[in-house]
Amino acid sequence: MRNNNYNRPSAADRHQWKMERLEVVGQMILKNTEDTVLECGVVTEHIDGSCYKVFANGQELFASHNKKSNLWKLWRSK
């Protein structure tokens, strides 16, 4: 069943979101994390959606980033 109140994101919206996610790559996670293993980690790659690859504590980890709260968490499979 289709939701008539849903407005699909425009191409411009999708492009803006992609650019916002790519800006995070290369940044260091200094705070805003529930998982201390991510502290001082460097974001190395955007995977998809909120999933990123992070190099922290000498290992590559997957983490999720909530843009609204700027909170980083280890990636958990749902």
Protein backbone atom coordinates (compact mmCIF):
# COMPACT_ATOMS: atom_id res chain seq x y z
CA MET A 1 0.00 0.00 0.00
CA ARG A 2 1.40 3.37 -0.99
CA ASN A 3 1.54 6.25 1.52
CA ASN A 4 0.16 9.31 -0.27
CA ASN A 5 1.67 11.65 2.34
CA TYR A 6 5.23 10.53 1.59
CA ASN A 7 7.34 12.83 -0.57
CA ARG A 8 10.27 11.08 -2.19
CA PRO A 9 13.60 12.86 -1.75
CA SER A 10 14.70 14.81 -4.78
CA ALA A 11 17.96 14.20 -6.59
CA ALA A 12 19.27 17.42 -5.04
CA ASP A 13 18.38 16.14 -1.55
CA ARG A 14 20.17 12.85 -2.19
CA HIS A 15 23.23 14.68 -3.51
CA GLN A 16 23.36 16.96 -0.46
CA TRP A 17 23.13 13.96 1.90
CA LYS A 18 25.91 12.18 -0.01
CA MET A 19 28.17 15.24 0.28
CA GLU A 20 27.45 15.51 4.02
CA ARG A 21 28.43 11.87 4.49
CA LEU A 22 31.62 12.23 2.45
CA GLU A 23 32.66 15.28 4.55
CA VAL A 24 32.87 13.00 7.59
CA VAL A 25 35.53 10.79 5.93
CA GLY A 26 38.99 11.71 7.23
CA GLN A 27 37.71 13.20 10.48
CA MET A 28 38.74 11.99 13.92
CA ILE A 29 36.09 10.90 16.41
CA LEU A 30 37.00 12.87 19.53
CA LYS A 31 33.76 12.58 21.47
CA ASN A 32 30.09 11.77 21.01
CA THR A 33 30.49 8.03 21.16
CA GLU A 34 28.87 5.41 23.36
CA ASP A 35 31.70 2.97 22.56
CA THR A 36 35.06 4.13 23.93
CA VAL A 37 36.88 1.92 21.40
CA LEU A 38 35.90 4.50 18.75
CA GLU A 39 37.46 7.47 20.59
CA CYS A 40 40.34 8.97 18.59
CA GLY A 41 39.41 6.76 15.67
CA VAL A 42 39.62 8.09 12.12
CA VAL A 43 36.73 7.69 9.71
CA THR A 44 38.26 6.03 6.64
CA GLU A 45 35.29 5.26 4.41
CA HIS A 46 31.56 5.78 3.99
CA ILE A 47 29.90 2.43 3.32
CA ASP A 48 26.18 3.11 2.95
CA GLY A 49 23.58 5.13 4.81
CA SER A 50 24.83 5.65 8.36
CA CYS A 51 27.52 2.93 8.13
CA TYR A 52 31.19 3.96 8.06
CA LYS A 53 34.55 2.20 8.34
CA VAL A 54 36.67 3.57 11.20
CA PHE A 55 40.32 2.87 12.06
CA ALA A 56 40.58 2.84 15.87
CA ASN A 57 42.77 1.02 18.39
CA GLY A 58 44.85 -0.47 15.59
CA GLN A 59 41.91 -2.16 13.91
CA GLU A 60 39.28 -1.43 11.29
CA LEU A 61 35.78 -1.32 12.73
CA PHE A 62 32.35 -0.55 11.37
CA ALA A 63 30.44 2.26 13.06
CA SER A 64 27.15 4.05 12.60
CA HIS A 65 26.75 7.80 12.77
CA ASN A 66 23.54 9.57 13.72
CA LYS A 67 23.67 12.97 11.99
CA LYS A 68 21.00 14.56 14.19
CA SER A 69 22.73 13.81 17.50
CA ASN A 70 26.25 13.47 16.02
CA LEU A 71 26.55 10.21 17.96
CA TRP A 72 28.90 7.40 16.90
CA LYS A 73 28.29 3.74 17.82
CA LEU A 74 29.83 0.44 16.85
CA TRP A 75 27.82 -1.07 14.00
CA ARG A 76 25.34 -3.63 15.23
CA SER A 77 23.60 -6.04 12.88
CA LYS A 78 19.84 -5.74 13.14
